[in-house]
Amino acid sequence: MRKVKQINFSIVINAPIELVWQRMFDDTGFRIWTAAFCEGSYYEGKWQQGEPMRFLSPSGDGMVATIAELDPLKFVSIKHLGYVVGGKDDLNSEQVSSWAPAFENYYFRAVPDGTEVKIEQEIDPSYEQFMSDKWPKALQRLKTLVENPA
């Protein structure tokens, strides 16, 4: 039985959508803002619809996903499919089937002060406190990265 909870976050960044998008998804920028979740985290894959992605910690463990939908400068939907453990994808264990698939959606919208970034994420309820603590920090890191790149 799939159990997920949806959590939502947003931030306004004083910059055009193109710059926010670029800093959020390029390799260097991604490593900076996602360090709020796990220092040294990175991704393998391409930000293109239908492409497989791996979101990994320095140990190589993490999440396996696919880009479910991509509308450049407007929307990205990541479909999380399972875990990466010891270099192997776990798509079928009881632990994974309790929550997968789960979507993580990013919305980008021009507002008078720049760009609003909205996050909608489905999570295993046991991660709610962790994610509720880390997302605001990650979005603040992204805002700082875009507004004050030095």
C-alpha atoms as a PDB file:
ATOM      1  CA  MET A   1       0.000   0.000   0.000  1.00  0.00           C
ATOM      2  CA  ARG A   2       1.525   3.295  -1.158  1.00  0.00           C
ATOM      3  CA  LYS A   3       1.690   5.933   1.586  1.00  0.00           C
ATOM      4  CA  VAL A   4       2.863   9.414   0.661  1.00  0.00           C
ATOM      5  CA  LYS A   5       2.342  12.888   1.996  1.00  0.00           C
ATOM      6  CA  GLN A   6       2.589  16.019  -0.138  1.00  0.00           C
ATOM      7  CA  ILE A   7       4.618  18.945   1.151  1.00  0.00           C
ATOM      8  CA  ASN A   8       4.933  22.375  -0.493  1.00  0.00           C
ATOM      9  CA  PHE A   9       7.466  25.186  -0.370  1.00  0.00           C
ATOM     10  CA  SER A  10       8.097  28.403  -2.290  1.00  0.00           C
ATOM     11  CA  ILE A  11      10.509  31.296  -2.510  1.00  0.00           C
ATOM     12  CA  VAL A  12      10.854  34.473  -4.574  1.00  0.00           C
ATOM     13  CA  ILE A  13      14.300  35.052  -6.067  1.00  0.00           C
ATOM     14  CA  ASN A  14      15.231  38.503  -7.339  1.00  0.00           C
ATOM     15  CA  ALA A  15      16.404  37.347 -10.778  1.00  0.00           C
ATOM     16  CA  PRO A  16      14.941  36.345 -14.142  1.00  0.00           C
ATOM     17  CA  ILE A  17      13.617  32.806 -14.608  1.00  0.00           C
ATOM     18  CA  GLU A  18      16.429  31.924 -17.040  1.00  0.00           C
ATOM     19  CA  LEU A  19      19.102  32.579 -14.409  1.00  0.00           C
ATOM     20  CA  VAL A  20      17.216  30.795 -11.620  1.00  0.00           C
ATOM     21  CA  TRP A  21      16.647  27.752 -13.874  1.00  0.00           C
ATOM     22  CA  GLN A  22      20.295  27.636 -14.955  1.00  0.00           C
ATOM     23  CA  ARG A  23      21.681  27.871 -11.411  1.00  0.00           C
ATOM     24  CA  MET A  24      19.172  25.364 -10.043  1.00  0.00           C
ATOM     25  CA  PHE A  25      19.918  22.623 -12.569  1.00  0.00           C
ATOM     26  CA  ASP A  26      23.529  23.039 -13.684  1.00  0.00           C
ATOM     27  CA  ASP A  27      25.973  20.692 -11.959  1.00  0.00           C
ATOM     28  CA  THR A  28      27.766  23.335  -9.871  1.00  0.00           C
ATOM     29  CA  GLY A  29      24.636  25.162  -8.748  1.00  0.00           C
ATOM     30  CA  PHE A  30      22.819  21.923  -7.956  1.00  0.00           C
ATOM     31  CA  ARG A  31      25.663  20.799  -5.684  1.00  0.00           C
ATOM     32  CA  ILE A  32      25.569  24.124  -3.813  1.00  0.00           C
ATOM     33  CA  TRP A  33      21.852  24.367  -3.056  1.00  0.00           C
ATOM     34  CA  THR A  34      21.280  20.644  -2.423  1.00  0.00           C
ATOM     35  CA  ALA A  35      24.078  20.596   0.157  1.00  0.00           C
ATOM     36  CA  ALA A  36      21.306  21.668   2.560  1.00  0.00           C
ATOM     37  CA  PHE A  37      19.989  18.076   2.273  1.00  0.00           C
ATOM     38  CA  CYS A  38      23.338  16.281   2.106  1.00  0.00           C
ATOM     39  CA  GLU A  39      26.779  17.856   1.845  1.00  0.00           C
ATOM     40  CA  GLY A  40      28.435  16.656  -1.351  1.00  0.00           C
ATOM     41  CA  SER A  41      25.230  15.541  -3.082  1.00  0.00           C
ATOM     42  CA  TYR A  42      25.175  15.450  -6.882  1.00  0.00           C
ATOM     43  CA  TYR A  43      23.228  14.013  -9.794  1.00  0.00           C
ATOM     44  CA  GLU A  44      23.966  11.725 -12.729  1.00  0.00           C
ATOM     45  CA  GLY A  45      21.823  12.055 -15.831  1.00  0.00           C
ATOM     46  CA  LYS A  46      20.302  14.716 -18.056  1.00  0.00           C
ATOM     47  CA  TRP A  47      17.533  17.167 -17.270  1.00  0.00           C
ATOM     48  CA  GLN A  48      15.473  15.996 -20.253  1.00  0.00           C
ATOM     49  CA  GLN A  49      12.016  14.429 -20.358  1.00  0.00           C
ATOM     50  CA  GLY A  50      12.159  10.639 -20.183  1.00  0.00           C
ATOM     51  CA  GLU A  51      15.785  10.576 -19.035  1.00  0.00           C
ATOM     52  CA  PRO A  52      16.899   8.469 -16.052  1.00  0.00           C
ATOM     53  CA  MET A  53      18.435  10.378 -13.135  1.00  0.00           C
ATOM     54  CA  ARG A  54      20.293   9.425  -9.999  1.00  0.00           C
ATOM     55  CA  PHE A  55      20.462  11.808  -7.041  1.00  0.00           C
ATOM     56  CA  LEU A  56      23.415  10.654  -4.968  1.00  0.00           C
ATOM     57  CA  SER A  57      25.341  11.274  -1.771  1.00  0.00           C
ATOM     58  CA  PRO A  58      29.164  11.183  -1.708  1.00  0.00           C
ATOM     59  CA  SER A  59      28.940   7.464  -0.789  1.00  0.00           C
ATOM     60  CA  GLY A  60      27.040   6.793  -4.028  1.00  0.00           C
ATOM     61  CA  ASP A  61      23.764   5.955  -2.281  1.00  0.00           C
ATOM     62  CA  GLY A  62      20.612   7.915  -3.045  1.00  0.00           C
ATOM     63  CA  MET A  63      17.546   7.945  -5.256  1.00  0.00           C
ATOM     64  CA  VAL A  64      16.807   6.647  -8.745  1.00  0.00           C
ATOM     65  CA  ALA A  65      14.288   8.626 -10.781  1.00  0.00           C
ATOM     66  CA  THR A  66      13.231   9.717 -14.226  1.00  0.00           C
ATOM     67  CA  ILE A  67      12.303  13.125 -15.588  1.00  0.00           C
ATOM     68  CA  ALA A  68       8.539  12.603 -16.013  1.00  0.00           C
ATOM     69  CA  GLU A  69       7.856  15.984 -17.575  1.00  0.00           C
ATOM     70  CA  LEU A  70       9.897  19.014 -18.539  1.00  0.00           C
ATOM     71  CA  ASP A  71       8.656  22.352 -19.861  1.00  0.00           C
ATOM     72  CA  PRO A  72      11.808  24.520 -19.941  1.00  0.00           C
ATOM     73  CA  LEU A  73      11.702  27.630 -17.746  1.00  0.00           C
ATOM     74  CA  LYS A  74       8.248  26.649 -16.425  1.00  0.00           C
ATOM     75  CA  PHE A  75       8.019  23.143 -14.948  1.00  0.00           C
ATOM     76  CA  VAL A  76       9.996  20.004 -14.081  1.00  0.00           C
ATOM     77  CA  SER A  77       8.495  16.805 -12.679  1.00  0.00           C
ATOM     78  CA  ILE A  78      10.834  14.192 -11.216  1.00  0.00           C
ATOM     79  CA  LYS A  79       9.337  10.721 -10.743  1.00  0.00           C
ATOM     80  CA  HIS A  80      11.228   8.981  -7.931  1.00  0.00           C
ATOM     81  CA  LEU A  81      11.267   5.237  -8.507  1.00  0.00           C
ATOM     82  CA  GLY A  82      13.449   3.839  -5.740  1.00  0.00           C
ATOM     83  CA  TYR A  83      16.754   3.887  -3.906  1.00  0.00           C
ATOM     84  CA  VAL A  84      20.341   3.425  -5.001  1.00  0.00           C
ATOM     85  CA  VAL A  85      22.093   1.299  -2.378  1.00  0.00           C
ATOM     86  CA  GLY A  86      25.635   0.021  -2.759  1.00  0.00           C
ATOM     87  CA  GLY A  87      25.620   1.007  -6.424  1.00  0.00           C
ATOM     88  CA  LYS A  88      22.481  -1.030  -7.197  1.00  0.00           C
ATOM     89  CA  ASP A  89      18.974   0.240  -7.940  1.00  0.00           C
ATOM     90  CA  ASP A  90      16.265  -0.939  -5.525  1.00  0.00           C
ATOM     91  CA  LEU A  91      12.945  -0.537  -7.325  1.00  0.00           C
ATOM     92  CA  ASN A  92      10.979  -3.409  -5.812  1.00  0.00           C
ATOM     93  CA  SER A  93      11.714  -3.857  -2.110  1.00  0.00           C
ATOM     94  CA  GLU A  94       8.905  -3.568   0.407  1.00  0.00           C
ATOM     95  CA  GLN A  95      10.444  -0.322   1.665  1.00  0.00           C
ATOM     96  CA  VAL A  96      10.349   1.201  -1.848  1.00  0.00           C
ATOM     97  CA  SER A  97       6.898  -0.080  -2.775  1.00  0.00           C
ATOM     98  CA  SER A  98       5.501   1.639   0.336  1.00  0.00           C
ATOM     99  CA  TRP A  99       6.047   5.063  -1.304  1.00  0.00           C
ATOM    100  CA  ALA A 100       7.115   4.726  -4.966  1.00  0.00           C
ATOM    101  CA  PRO A 101       6.487   6.237  -7.349  1.00  0.00           C
ATOM    102  CA  ALA A 102       6.635   9.680  -5.761  1.00  0.00           C
ATOM    103  CA  PHE A 103       6.740  12.979  -7.623  1.00  0.00           C
ATOM    104  CA  GLU A 104       8.839  16.076  -6.954  1.00  0.00           C
ATOM    105  CA  ASN A 105       7.587  19.034  -9.001  1.00  0.00           C
ATOM    106  CA  TYR A 106       9.203  22.421  -9.589  1.00  0.00           C
ATOM    107  CA  TYR A 107       7.203  25.396 -10.889  1.00  0.00           C
ATOM    108  CA  PHE A 108       8.773  28.642 -12.115  1.00  0.00           C
ATOM    109  CA  ARG A 109       6.746  31.849 -12.526  1.00  0.00           C
ATOM    110  CA  ALA A 110       7.685  35.455 -13.238  1.00  0.00           C
ATOM    111  CA  VAL A 111       6.548  37.803 -10.461  1.00  0.00           C
ATOM    112  CA  PRO A 112       7.187  41.558  -9.958  1.00  0.00           C
ATOM    113  CA  ASP A 113      10.229  40.851  -7.743  1.00  0.00           C
ATOM    114  CA  GLY A 114      11.786  38.226 -10.046  1.00  0.00           C
ATOM    115  CA  THR A 115      10.968  34.519 -10.063  1.00  0.00           C
ATOM    116  CA  GLU A 116       8.772  32.480  -7.792  1.00  0.00           C
ATOM    117  CA  VAL A 117       9.936  28.878  -7.386  1.00  0.00           C
ATOM    118  CA  LYS A 118       7.334  26.486  -5.998  1.00  0.00           C
ATOM    119  CA  ILE A 119       8.105  22.936  -4.880  1.00  0.00           C
ATOM    120  CA  GLU A 120       5.528  20.176  -4.522  1.00  0.00           C
ATOM    121  CA  GLN A 121       6.939  16.926  -3.210  1.00  0.00           C
ATOM    122  CA  GLU A 122       5.425  13.554  -2.344  1.00  0.00           C
ATOM    123  CA  ILE A 123       7.362  11.887   0.446  1.00  0.00           C
ATOM    124  CA  ASP A 124       7.246   8.921   2.757  1.00  0.00           C
ATOM    125  CA  PRO A 125       5.596  10.448   5.868  1.00  0.00           C
ATOM    126  CA  SER A 126       8.571   9.374   8.005  1.00  0.00           C
ATOM    127  CA  TYR A 127      10.692  11.976   6.128  1.00  0.00           C
ATOM    128  CA  GLU A 128       8.290  14.890   6.681  1.00  0.00           C
ATOM    129  CA  GLN A 129      10.214  16.515   9.535  1.00  0.00           C
ATOM    130  CA  PHE A 130      13.572  16.176   7.741  1.00  0.00           C
ATOM    131  CA  MET A 131      12.226  17.630   4.481  1.00  0.00           C
ATOM    132  CA  SER A 132      10.274  20.394   6.239  1.00  0.00           C
ATOM    133  CA  ASP A 133      13.522  21.432   7.915  1.00  0.00           C
ATOM    134  CA  LYS A 134      15.788  21.111   4.852  1.00  0.00           C
ATOM    135  CA  TRP A 135      13.687  22.544   1.971  1.00  0.00           C
ATOM    136  CA  PRO A 136      13.589  26.132   3.314  1.00  0.00           C
ATOM    137  CA  LYS A 137      17.371  25.992   3.840  1.00  0.00           C
ATOM    138  CA  ALA A 138      17.920  24.611   0.331  1.00  0.00           C
ATOM    139  CA  LEU A 139      15.737  27.309  -1.252  1.00  0.00           C
ATOM    140  CA  GLN A 140      17.562  30.008   0.729  1.00  0.00           C
ATOM    141  CA  ARG A 141      20.881  28.612  -0.543  1.00  0.00           C
ATOM    142  CA  LEU A 142      19.500  28.765  -4.106  1.00  0.00           C
ATOM    143  CA  LYS A 143      18.347  32.363  -3.581  1.00  0.00           C
ATOM    144  CA  THR A 144      21.800  33.358  -2.270  1.00  0.00           C
ATOM    145  CA  LEU A 145      23.539  31.524  -5.141  1.00  0.00           C
ATOM    146  CA  VAL A 146      21.447  33.338  -7.762  1.00  0.00           C
ATOM    147  CA  GLU A 147      21.312  36.803  -6.166  1.00  0.00           C
ATOM    148  CA  ASN A 148      24.907  36.905  -4.831  1.00  0.00           C
ATOM    149  CA  PRO A 149      26.975  34.561  -7.033  1.00  0.00           C
ATOM    150  CA  ALA A 150      30.321  35.754  -5.621  1.00  0.00           C
END
